[in-house]
Amino acid sequence: MAMLFSCNDNYERVGVEAKKAVYPQGVANDLVFTYTETTDPVKNKKAVTSKVLAVLTAPVREDFNNLSFPREVFPKGLEVEFFDDKNQKSTITADYGISYSTTKLISLQGNVIINTHDGKQFKTPQLYYDQTNKWIFTQEKFEFINPEDESVMYGEGFDSDKDLKQVNAHKTTGLKTIKDEEI
């Protein structure tokens, strides 16, 4: 005589249990990625000249480009050095970053600092960069130091071109040095 039993799992998982684990399709450690463009049309493979646009360094990069909303995640922070047409270097650092492939948006979080080649400095806890329009923005509090006009601006909400030349700041306070003119 044999007895057979079977069990069904009809427990409905909710909350944290219901989340499916998502793993990256690839992980890079100690990443150094150089973005370049050719300066002249390619006519001869041996005579190609290129210009460095940016250098990205990060301790870890997780590649989730296989998901329905593809992205690259930098969970341990990143630094980007970028160069203008005169090869002048500016840098951006952050504690955490996500680059969304389809929307061309980059989200930087935690101690986001931009240092431009001309001495300007911008600090905020979170910043977005729209790669298509080359525009940065945040709704968080910020500090903007501009040595050109000897000013320090504080505020909440900011957007600008990537070179911090066309600045729109919101809810601002600050300090500005006004020099007496010699008569």
N, C-alpha and C. Protein backbone atom coordinates (compact mmCIF):
# COMPACT_ATOMS: atom_id res chain seq x y z
N MET A 1 0.84 -1.16 0.00
CA MET A 1 0.00 0.00 0.00
C MET A 1 0.89 1.23 0.00
N ALA A 2 0.62 2.17 -0.91
CA ALA A 2 1.41 3.39 -1.05
C ALA A 2 0.49 4.59 -0.86
N MET A 3 1.02 5.59 -0.19
CA MET A 3 0.26 6.83 0.00
C MET A 3 1.04 7.97 -0.64
N LEU A 4 0.38 8.77 -1.42
CA LEU A 4 1.00 9.91 -2.07
C LEU A 4 0.34 11.18 -1.57
N PHE A 5 1.16 12.17 -1.25
CA PHE A 5 0.67 13.47 -0.82
C PHE A 5 1.30 14.54 -1.70
N SER A 6 0.59 15.61 -1.90
CA SER A 6 1.19 16.75 -2.62
C SER A 6 0.77 18.03 -1.93
N CYS A 7 1.60 19.03 -2.05
CA CYS A 7 1.34 20.33 -1.42
C CYS A 7 1.39 21.42 -2.48
N ASN A 8 0.56 22.39 -2.31
CA ASN A 8 0.59 23.56 -3.17
C ASN A 8 1.00 24.76 -2.33
N ASP A 9 1.77 25.65 -2.93
CA ASP A 9 2.14 26.89 -2.26
C ASP A 9 1.21 27.97 -2.79
N ASN A 10 0.13 28.26 -2.06
CA ASN A 10 -0.76 29.31 -2.50
C ASN A 10 -0.65 30.53 -1.58
N TYR A 11 0.51 30.68 -0.96
CA TYR A 11 0.79 31.85 -0.14
C TYR A 11 1.06 33.03 -1.07
N GLU A 12 0.33 34.13 -0.89
CA GLU A 12 0.51 35.30 -1.74
C GLU A 12 1.59 36.20 -1.15
N ARG A 13 2.66 36.36 -1.91
CA ARG A 13 3.78 37.18 -1.45
C ARG A 13 3.50 38.65 -1.73
N VAL A 14 3.78 39.48 -0.74
CA VAL A 14 3.57 40.91 -0.86
C VAL A 14 4.79 41.63 -0.32
N GLY A 15 4.86 42.93 -0.60
CA GLY A 15 5.94 43.74 -0.06
C GLY A 15 7.30 43.30 -0.55
N VAL A 16 8.24 43.23 0.36
CA VAL A 16 9.62 42.89 0.02
C VAL A 16 9.72 41.48 -0.56
N GLU A 17 8.92 40.57 -0.08
CA GLU A 17 8.95 39.19 -0.60
C GLU A 17 8.56 39.13 -2.07
N ALA A 18 7.68 40.02 -2.51
CA ALA A 18 7.17 39.97 -3.88
C ALA A 18 8.17 40.49 -4.91
N LYS A 19 9.16 41.24 -4.46
CA LYS A 19 10.14 41.80 -5.39
C LYS A 19 11.05 40.71 -5.95
N LYS A 20 11.22 40.75 -7.24
CA LYS A 20 12.14 39.81 -7.87
C LYS A 20 13.55 40.37 -7.75
N ALA A 21 14.48 39.53 -7.46
CA ALA A 21 15.88 39.95 -7.39
C ALA A 21 16.35 40.32 -8.79
N VAL A 22 17.00 41.45 -8.91
CA VAL A 22 17.52 41.92 -10.19
C VAL A 22 19.04 41.99 -10.07
N TYR A 23 19.71 41.34 -10.99
CA TYR A 23 21.17 41.31 -10.97
C TYR A 23 21.71 41.94 -12.25
N PRO A 24 22.84 42.60 -12.17
CA PRO A 24 23.41 43.20 -13.38
C PRO A 24 23.91 42.13 -14.34
N GLN A 25 23.88 42.45 -15.63
CA GLN A 25 24.42 41.52 -16.62
C GLN A 25 25.94 41.56 -16.64
N GLY A 26 26.51 42.58 -16.05
CA GLY A 26 27.96 42.68 -15.98
C GLY A 26 28.37 43.67 -14.91
N VAL A 27 29.55 43.45 -14.33
CA VAL A 27 30.09 44.35 -13.32
C VAL A 27 31.53 44.65 -13.70
N ALA A 28 31.87 45.94 -13.69
CA ALA A 28 33.25 46.35 -13.96
C ALA A 28 33.81 46.97 -12.69
N ASN A 29 35.01 46.59 -12.33
CA ASN A 29 35.69 47.15 -11.16
C ASN A 29 36.84 48.03 -11.63
N ASP A 30 37.09 49.11 -10.87
CA ASP A 30 38.17 50.05 -11.18
C ASP A 30 38.11 50.51 -12.64
N LEU A 31 36.96 51.02 -13.01
CA LEU A 31 36.67 51.42 -14.38
C LEU A 31 37.32 52.76 -14.72
N VAL A 32 37.96 52.83 -15.87
CA VAL A 32 38.43 54.07 -16.47
C VAL A 32 37.94 54.04 -17.91
N PHE A 33 37.03 54.95 -18.24
CA PHE A 33 36.42 54.95 -19.56
C PHE A 33 36.69 56.30 -20.20
N THR A 34 37.30 56.32 -21.37
CA THR A 34 37.64 57.55 -22.06
C THR A 34 36.73 57.74 -23.26
N TYR A 35 36.02 58.87 -23.30
CA TYR A 35 35.14 59.21 -24.41
C TYR A 35 35.93 60.09 -25.37
N THR A 36 36.00 59.69 -26.63
CA THR A 36 36.75 60.46 -27.62
C THR A 36 35.89 60.67 -28.87
N GLU A 37 36.33 61.59 -29.69
CA GLU A 37 35.73 61.76 -31.01
C GLU A 37 36.85 62.06 -31.99
N THR A 38 36.67 61.66 -33.23
CA THR A 38 37.68 61.94 -34.23
C THR A 38 37.57 63.41 -34.63
N THR A 39 38.70 64.04 -34.83
CA THR A 39 38.70 65.45 -35.19
C THR A 39 38.57 65.66 -36.69
N ASP A 40 38.98 64.68 -37.48
CA ASP A 40 38.88 64.75 -38.93
C ASP A 40 38.15 63.53 -39.44
N PRO A 41 37.54 63.63 -40.62
CA PRO A 41 36.92 62.43 -41.20
C PRO A 41 37.98 61.34 -41.40
N VAL A 42 37.60 60.12 -41.15
CA VAL A 42 38.53 59.01 -41.24
C VAL A 42 38.77 58.68 -42.72
N LYS A 43 40.03 58.89 -43.16
CA LYS A 43 40.41 58.57 -44.54
C LYS A 43 41.42 57.44 -44.56
N ASN A 44 42.25 57.44 -43.53
CA ASN A 44 43.32 56.46 -43.45
C ASN A 44 43.39 55.99 -42.01
N LYS A 45 43.30 54.70 -41.75
CA LYS A 45 43.27 54.18 -40.39
C LYS A 45 44.50 54.59 -39.59
N LYS A 46 45.62 54.77 -40.25
CA LYS A 46 46.86 55.12 -39.53
C LYS A 46 46.94 56.60 -39.19
N ALA A 47 46.16 57.43 -39.86
CA ALA A 47 46.25 58.87 -39.67
C ALA A 47 45.07 59.45 -38.89
N VAL A 48 44.37 58.64 -38.12
CA VAL A 48 43.21 59.11 -37.38
C VAL A 48 43.67 59.90 -36.15
N THR A 49 43.14 61.12 -36.02
CA THR A 49 43.40 61.91 -34.81
C THR A 49 42.10 62.02 -34.04
N SER A 50 42.21 61.96 -32.74
CA SER A 50 41.01 62.04 -31.92
C SER A 50 41.22 63.02 -30.78
N LYS A 51 40.12 63.46 -30.22
CA LYS A 51 40.12 64.40 -29.12
C LYS A 51 39.40 63.76 -27.94
N VAL A 52 39.96 63.87 -26.76
CA VAL A 52 39.33 63.35 -25.55
C VAL A 52 38.24 64.33 -25.11
N LEU A 53 37.02 63.83 -25.00
CA LEU A 53 35.89 64.64 -24.53
C LEU A 53 35.72 64.53 -23.02
N ALA A 54 35.85 63.30 -22.49
CA ALA A 54 35.64 63.07 -21.06
C ALA A 54 36.33 61.78 -20.64
N VAL A 55 36.66 61.72 -19.35
CA VAL A 55 37.22 60.50 -18.76
C VAL A 55 36.41 60.20 -17.51
N LEU A 56 35.77 59.03 -17.48
CA LEU A 56 34.96 58.60 -16.35
C LEU A 56 35.75 57.55 -15.57
N THR A 57 35.88 57.74 -14.27
CA THR A 57 36.49 56.74 -13.41
C THR A 57 35.51 56.38 -12.30
N ALA A 58 35.47 55.11 -11.96
CA ALA A 58 34.56 54.64 -10.91
C ALA A 58 35.09 53.34 -10.33
N PRO A 59 34.91 53.12 -9.02
CA PRO A 59 35.33 51.86 -8.43
C PRO A 59 34.50 50.67 -8.93
N VAL A 60 33.19 50.91 -9.17
CA VAL A 60 32.30 49.82 -9.62
C VAL A 60 31.27 50.39 -10.59
N ARG A 61 31.02 49.65 -11.66
CA ARG A 61 29.94 49.97 -12.61
C ARG A 61 29.12 48.70 -12.82
N GLU A 62 27.81 48.79 -12.57
CA GLU A 62 26.91 47.67 -12.78
C GLU A 62 26.07 47.94 -14.02
N ASP A 63 26.06 46.99 -14.94
CA ASP A 63 25.38 47.14 -16.23
C ASP A 63 24.02 46.44 -16.19
N PHE A 64 22.96 47.25 -16.24
CA PHE A 64 21.59 46.73 -16.28
C PHE A 64 20.94 47.04 -17.62
N ASN A 65 21.71 47.09 -18.69
CA ASN A 65 21.18 47.42 -20.00
C ASN A 65 20.35 46.30 -20.61
N ASN A 66 20.27 45.16 -19.94
CA ASN A 66 19.43 44.05 -20.42
C ASN A 66 17.99 44.15 -19.92
N LEU A 67 17.68 45.12 -19.08
CA LEU A 67 16.33 45.25 -18.51
C LEU A 67 15.43 46.10 -19.41
N SER A 68 14.14 46.09 -19.11
CA SER A 68 13.20 46.87 -19.92
C SER A 68 13.45 48.38 -19.78
N PHE A 69 13.99 48.83 -18.65
CA PHE A 69 14.40 50.23 -18.47
C PHE A 69 15.91 50.22 -18.25
N PRO A 70 16.69 50.18 -19.33
CA PRO A 70 18.14 49.98 -19.22
C PRO A 70 18.85 51.12 -18.52
N ARG A 71 19.91 50.75 -17.78
CA ARG A 71 20.68 51.74 -17.03
C ARG A 71 22.04 51.18 -16.64
N GLU A 72 22.92 52.08 -16.28
CA GLU A 72 24.21 51.73 -15.70
C GLU A 72 24.26 52.40 -14.33
N VAL A 73 24.69 51.65 -13.32
CA VAL A 73 24.69 52.14 -11.95
C VAL A 73 26.12 52.19 -11.44
N PHE A 74 26.44 53.28 -10.75
CA PHE A 74 27.75 53.47 -10.13
C PHE A 74 27.53 53.56 -8.62
N PRO A 75 27.41 52.39 -7.94
CA PRO A 75 26.99 52.38 -6.53
C PRO A 75 28.03 52.92 -5.55
N LYS A 76 29.29 52.98 -5.96
CA LYS A 76 30.34 53.46 -5.05
C LYS A 76 30.92 54.79 -5.51
N GLY A 77 30.16 55.51 -6.31
CA GLY A 77 30.58 56.84 -6.73
C GLY A 77 31.28 56.86 -8.08
N LEU A 78 31.55 58.08 -8.54
CA LEU A 78 32.21 58.26 -9.82
C LEU A 78 32.83 59.65 -9.89
N GLU A 79 33.76 59.78 -10.82
CA GLU A 79 34.35 61.08 -11.14
C GLU A 79 34.40 61.18 -12.65
N VAL A 80 33.99 62.34 -13.17
CA VAL A 80 34.06 62.58 -14.61
C VAL A 80 34.87 63.84 -14.84
N GLU A 81 35.93 63.70 -15.63
CA GLU A 81 36.69 64.85 -16.09
C GLU A 81 36.23 65.12 -17.51
N PHE A 82 35.81 66.34 -17.81
CA PHE A 82 35.40 66.64 -19.16
C PHE A 82 36.14 67.87 -19.67
N PHE A 83 36.34 67.90 -20.98
CA PHE A 83 37.20 68.90 -21.61
C PHE A 83 36.41 69.72 -22.62
N ASP A 84 36.64 71.03 -22.61
CA ASP A 84 35.96 71.90 -23.57
C ASP A 84 36.76 71.98 -24.87
N ASP A 85 36.35 72.87 -25.77
CA ASP A 85 37.00 72.99 -27.07
C ASP A 85 38.46 73.45 -26.97
N LYS A 86 38.81 74.12 -25.87
CA LYS A 86 40.19 74.57 -25.65
C LYS A 86 40.98 73.58 -24.80
N ASN A 87 40.40 72.38 -24.59
CA ASN A 87 41.02 71.31 -23.80
C ASN A 87 41.19 71.68 -22.33
N GLN A 88 40.31 72.55 -21.82
CA GLN A 88 40.34 72.92 -20.41
C GLN A 88 39.48 71.93 -19.63
N LYS A 89 40.02 71.45 -18.51
CA LYS A 89 39.37 70.37 -17.76
C LYS A 89 38.49 70.89 -16.64
N SER A 90 37.28 70.32 -16.55
CA SER A 90 36.37 70.51 -15.43
C SER A 90 36.04 69.12 -14.89
N THR A 91 35.61 69.04 -13.61
CA THR A 91 35.33 67.73 -13.02
C THR A 91 33.97 67.72 -12.31
N ILE A 92 33.38 66.54 -12.28
CA ILE A 92 32.17 66.28 -11.50
C ILE A 92 32.44 65.03 -10.67
N THR A 93 32.10 65.08 -9.38
CA THR A 93 32.20 63.90 -8.52
C THR A 93 30.86 63.71 -7.81
N ALA A 94 30.56 62.45 -7.49
CA ALA A 94 29.34 62.12 -6.75
C ALA A 94 29.54 60.79 -6.04
N ASP A 95 28.79 60.57 -4.97
CA ASP A 95 28.87 59.32 -4.21
C ASP A 95 28.13 58.17 -4.89
N TYR A 96 27.19 58.50 -5.80
CA TYR A 96 26.35 57.48 -6.43
C TYR A 96 25.86 58.05 -7.76
N GLY A 97 25.72 57.20 -8.75
CA GLY A 97 25.23 57.68 -10.04
C GLY A 97 24.48 56.62 -10.82
N ILE A 98 23.52 57.08 -11.63
CA ILE A 98 22.78 56.20 -12.54
C ILE A 98 22.70 56.90 -13.89
N SER A 99 23.05 56.18 -14.94
CA SER A 99 22.93 56.70 -16.30
C SER A 99 21.84 55.88 -16.99
N TYR A 100 20.75 56.57 -17.37
CA TYR A 100 19.63 55.91 -18.02
C TYR A 100 19.83 55.95 -19.54
N SER A 101 19.96 54.79 -20.16
CA SER A 101 20.31 54.68 -21.57
C SER A 101 19.24 55.22 -22.51
N THR A 102 17.98 54.92 -22.26
CA THR A 102 16.94 55.32 -23.21
C THR A 102 16.55 56.79 -23.08
N THR A 103 16.54 57.34 -21.88
CA THR A 103 16.14 58.74 -21.69
C THR A 103 17.32 59.70 -21.79
N LYS A 104 18.54 59.18 -21.77
CA LYS A 104 19.76 60.00 -21.82
C LYS A 104 19.85 60.96 -20.63
N LEU A 105 19.31 60.54 -19.48
CA LEU A 105 19.42 61.30 -18.24
C LEU A 105 20.43 60.62 -17.33
N ILE A 106 21.17 61.44 -16.60
CA ILE A 106 22.10 60.94 -15.59
C ILE A 106 21.67 61.53 -14.25
N SER A 107 21.55 60.68 -13.25
CA SER A 107 21.21 61.11 -11.90
C SER A 107 22.44 60.92 -11.02
N LEU A 108 22.89 62.00 -10.41
CA LEU A 108 24.03 61.95 -9.49
C LEU A 108 23.51 62.26 -8.10
N GLN A 109 23.98 61.49 -7.10
CA GLN A 109 23.47 61.66 -5.75
C GLN A 109 24.61 61.62 -4.74
N GLY A 110 24.45 62.38 -3.68
CA GLY A 110 25.40 62.37 -2.57
C GLY A 110 26.66 63.15 -2.86
N ASN A 111 26.82 64.28 -2.20
CA ASN A 111 28.03 65.11 -2.32
C ASN A 111 28.41 65.37 -3.77
N VAL A 112 27.46 65.84 -4.55
CA VAL A 112 27.72 66.15 -5.96
C VAL A 112 28.48 67.48 -6.01
N ILE A 113 29.65 67.46 -6.64
CA ILE A 113 30.48 68.66 -6.74
C ILE A 113 30.95 68.83 -8.18
N ILE A 114 30.73 70.03 -8.72
CA ILE A 114 31.26 70.38 -10.03
C ILE A 114 32.32 71.44 -9.81
N ASN A 115 33.51 71.21 -10.34
CA ASN A 115 34.58 72.20 -10.34
C ASN A 115 34.92 72.51 -11.79
N THR A 116 34.71 73.76 -12.21
CA THR A 116 34.98 74.12 -13.59
C THR A 116 36.42 74.59 -13.76
N HIS A 117 36.87 74.61 -14.98
CA HIS A 117 38.25 75.02 -15.28
C HIS A 117 38.54 76.46 -14.88
N ASP A 118 37.50 77.30 -14.81
CA ASP A 118 37.71 78.71 -14.46
C ASP A 118 37.45 78.99 -12.97
N GLY A 119 37.40 77.94 -12.14
CA GLY A 119 37.33 78.11 -10.70
C GLY A 119 35.95 78.12 -10.08
N LYS A 120 34.90 78.01 -10.88
CA LYS A 120 33.54 77.95 -10.31
C LYS A 120 33.34 76.61 -9.63
N GLN A 121 32.56 76.63 -8.56
CA GLN A 121 32.26 75.38 -7.85
C GLN A 121 30.78 75.35 -7.52
N PHE A 122 30.17 74.18 -7.76
CA PHE A 122 28.76 73.97 -7.51
C PHE A 122 28.62 72.71 -6.66
N LYS A 123 27.85 72.80 -5.54
CA LYS A 123 27.64 71.67 -4.65
C LYS A 123 26.15 71.47 -4.40
N THR A 124 25.72 70.20 -4.39
CA THR A 124 24.32 69.86 -4.12
C THR A 124 24.23 68.38 -3.74
N PRO A 125 23.19 67.96 -3.04
CA PRO A 125 23.06 66.53 -2.72
C PRO A 125 22.57 65.68 -3.89
N GLN A 126 21.91 66.30 -4.89
CA GLN A 126 21.46 65.54 -6.06
C GLN A 126 21.43 66.46 -7.27
N LEU A 127 21.82 65.89 -8.42
CA LEU A 127 21.86 66.66 -9.65
C LEU A 127 21.52 65.75 -10.82
N TYR A 128 20.78 66.29 -11.78
CA TYR A 128 20.46 65.56 -13.01
C TYR A 128 21.18 66.22 -14.17
N TYR A 129 21.57 65.40 -15.15
CA TYR A 129 22.18 65.93 -16.36
C TYR A 129 21.44 65.35 -17.56
N ASP A 130 20.91 66.23 -18.38
CA ASP A 130 20.22 65.85 -19.61
C ASP A 130 21.26 65.86 -20.73
N GLN A 131 21.67 64.66 -21.17
CA GLN A 131 22.73 64.55 -22.17
C GLN A 131 22.31 65.11 -23.52
N THR A 132 21.04 65.01 -23.86
CA THR A 132 20.56 65.49 -25.15
C THR A 132 20.66 67.01 -25.25
N ASN A 133 20.21 67.70 -24.22
CA ASN A 133 20.21 69.17 -24.21
C ASN A 133 21.43 69.78 -23.53
N LYS A 134 22.31 68.93 -22.99
CA LYS A 134 23.51 69.39 -22.27
C LYS A 134 23.12 70.40 -21.18
N TRP A 135 22.20 69.96 -20.33
CA TRP A 135 21.61 70.83 -19.31
C TRP A 135 21.62 70.12 -17.96
N ILE A 136 22.01 70.84 -16.89
CA ILE A 136 21.99 70.28 -15.54
C ILE A 136 20.86 70.93 -14.74
N PHE A 137 20.29 70.17 -13.78
CA PHE A 137 19.22 70.74 -12.97
C PHE A 137 19.05 69.96 -11.68
N THR A 138 18.50 70.66 -10.68
CA THR A 138 18.18 70.05 -9.39
C THR A 138 17.06 70.86 -8.74
N GLN A 139 16.32 70.23 -7.86
CA GLN A 139 15.34 70.92 -7.03
C GLN A 139 15.83 70.96 -5.58
N GLU A 140 17.02 70.43 -5.35
CA GLU A 140 17.61 70.37 -4.01
C GLU A 140 18.32 71.69 -3.68
N LYS A 141 18.74 71.81 -2.42
CA LYS A 141 19.54 72.96 -1.99
C LYS A 141 20.90 72.90 -2.68
N PHE A 142 21.49 74.06 -2.89
CA PHE A 142 22.78 74.12 -3.56
C PHE A 142 23.62 75.27 -3.04
N GLU A 143 24.91 75.21 -3.37
CA GLU A 143 25.87 76.29 -3.12
C GLU A 143 26.64 76.49 -4.42
N PHE A 144 26.74 77.74 -4.87
CA PHE A 144 27.44 78.05 -6.11
C PHE A 144 28.44 79.16 -5.83
N ILE A 145 29.72 78.86 -6.02
CA ILE A 145 30.80 79.82 -5.79
C ILE A 145 31.33 80.25 -7.15
N ASN A 146 31.32 81.57 -7.39
CA ASN A 146 31.79 82.12 -8.65
C ASN A 146 32.90 83.13 -8.37
N PRO A 147 34.17 82.75 -8.61
CA PRO A 147 35.26 83.67 -8.33
C PRO A 147 35.33 84.87 -9.29
N GLU A 148 34.69 84.75 -10.46
CA GLU A 148 34.71 85.86 -11.42
C GLU A 148 34.09 87.11 -10.84
N ASP A 149 32.94 86.97 -10.18
CA ASP A 149 32.30 88.14 -9.57
C ASP A 149 32.36 88.07 -8.04
N GLU A 150 33.22 87.20 -7.53
CA GLU A 150 33.44 87.04 -6.08
C GLU A 150 32.12 86.89 -5.34
N SER A 151 31.32 85.91 -5.77
CA SER A 151 30.03 85.70 -5.14
C SER A 151 29.88 84.26 -4.67
N VAL A 152 29.04 84.11 -3.65
CA VAL A 152 28.64 82.80 -3.15
C VAL A 152 27.12 82.84 -3.10
N MET A 153 26.49 81.91 -3.81
CA MET A 153 25.04 81.88 -3.87
C MET A 153 24.54 80.58 -3.25
N TYR A 154 23.50 80.69 -2.44
CA TYR A 154 22.82 79.53 -1.85
C TYR A 154 21.38 79.56 -2.36
N GLY A 155 20.80 78.41 -2.53
CA GLY A 155 19.43 78.39 -2.99
C GLY A 155 18.84 77.01 -2.97
N GLU A 156 17.64 76.92 -3.52
CA GLU A 156 16.94 75.64 -3.64
C GLU A 156 16.28 75.60 -5.01
N GLY A 157 16.83 74.78 -5.89
CA GLY A 157 16.39 74.71 -7.27
C GLY A 157 17.36 75.45 -8.17
N PHE A 158 17.85 74.76 -9.18
CA PHE A 158 18.90 75.33 -10.03
C PHE A 158 18.88 74.62 -11.37
N ASP A 159 19.08 75.37 -12.44
CA ASP A 159 19.33 74.74 -13.74
C ASP A 159 20.28 75.62 -14.53
N SER A 160 21.05 74.97 -15.40
CA SER A 160 22.11 75.68 -16.12
C SER A 160 22.60 74.84 -17.29
N ASP A 161 23.32 75.50 -18.20
CA ASP A 161 24.04 74.75 -19.21
C ASP A 161 25.20 74.03 -18.53
N LYS A 162 25.82 73.11 -19.21
CA LYS A 162 26.85 72.27 -18.57
C LYS A 162 28.09 73.06 -18.15
N ASP A 163 28.29 74.25 -18.71
CA ASP A 163 29.47 75.07 -18.37
C ASP A 163 29.19 76.08 -17.27
N LEU A 164 27.98 76.06 -16.70
CA LEU A 164 27.56 76.97 -15.64
C LEU A 164 27.67 78.43 -16.07
N LYS A 165 27.30 78.71 -17.33
CA LYS A 165 27.32 80.09 -17.84
C LYS A 165 25.91 80.67 -17.91
N GLN A 166 24.91 79.87 -18.28
CA GLN A 166 23.51 80.31 -18.31
C GLN A 166 22.82 79.74 -17.07
N VAL A 167 22.87 80.48 -15.99
CA VAL A 167 22.41 79.98 -14.69
C VAL A 167 21.01 80.51 -14.37
N ASN A 168 20.12 79.60 -13.96
CA ASN A 168 18.80 79.95 -13.44
C ASN A 168 18.73 79.38 -12.03
N ALA A 169 18.74 80.26 -11.02
CA ALA A 169 18.73 79.81 -9.63
C ALA A 169 17.43 80.25 -8.97
N HIS A 170 16.96 79.45 -8.02
CA HIS A 170 15.68 79.70 -7.37
C HIS A 170 15.87 79.80 -5.86
N LYS A 171 15.00 80.56 -5.21
CA LYS A 171 15.01 80.72 -3.76
C LYS A 171 16.43 81.00 -3.27
N THR A 172 17.02 82.07 -3.76
CA THR A 172 18.44 82.31 -3.51
C THR A 172 18.70 83.33 -2.41
N THR A 173 19.85 83.14 -1.77
CA THR A 173 20.48 84.11 -0.89
C THR A 173 21.96 84.03 -1.22
N GLY A 174 22.74 84.98 -0.71
CA GLY A 174 24.16 84.86 -1.00
C GLY A 174 24.97 86.06 -0.58
N LEU A 175 26.22 86.01 -0.97
CA LEU A 175 27.19 87.05 -0.66
C LEU A 175 27.86 87.48 -1.96
N LYS A 176 28.08 88.78 -2.10
CA LYS A 176 28.76 89.29 -3.29
C LYS A 176 29.66 90.41 -2.85
N THR A 177 30.89 90.39 -3.33
CA THR A 177 31.85 91.44 -3.04
C THR A 177 31.62 92.58 -4.00
N ILE A 178 31.45 93.78 -3.44
CA ILE A 178 31.30 94.99 -4.27
C ILE A 178 32.49 95.87 -3.96
N LYS A 179 33.27 96.17 -4.98
CA LYS A 179 34.49 96.96 -4.80
C LYS A 179 34.18 98.43 -5.01
N ASP A 180 34.77 99.27 -4.16
CA ASP A 180 34.65 100.71 -4.34
C ASP A 180 35.44 101.10 -5.56
N GLU A 181 34.85 101.92 -6.40
CA GLU A 181 35.57 102.42 -7.57
C GLU A 181 36.42 103.59 -7.17
N GLU A 182 37.61 103.66 -7.75
CA GLU A 182 38.49 104.80 -7.47
C GLU A 182 38.00 106.00 -8.27
N ILE A 183 37.96 107.15 -7.61
CA ILE A 183 37.50 108.38 -8.27
C ILE A 183 38.67 109.25 -8.63
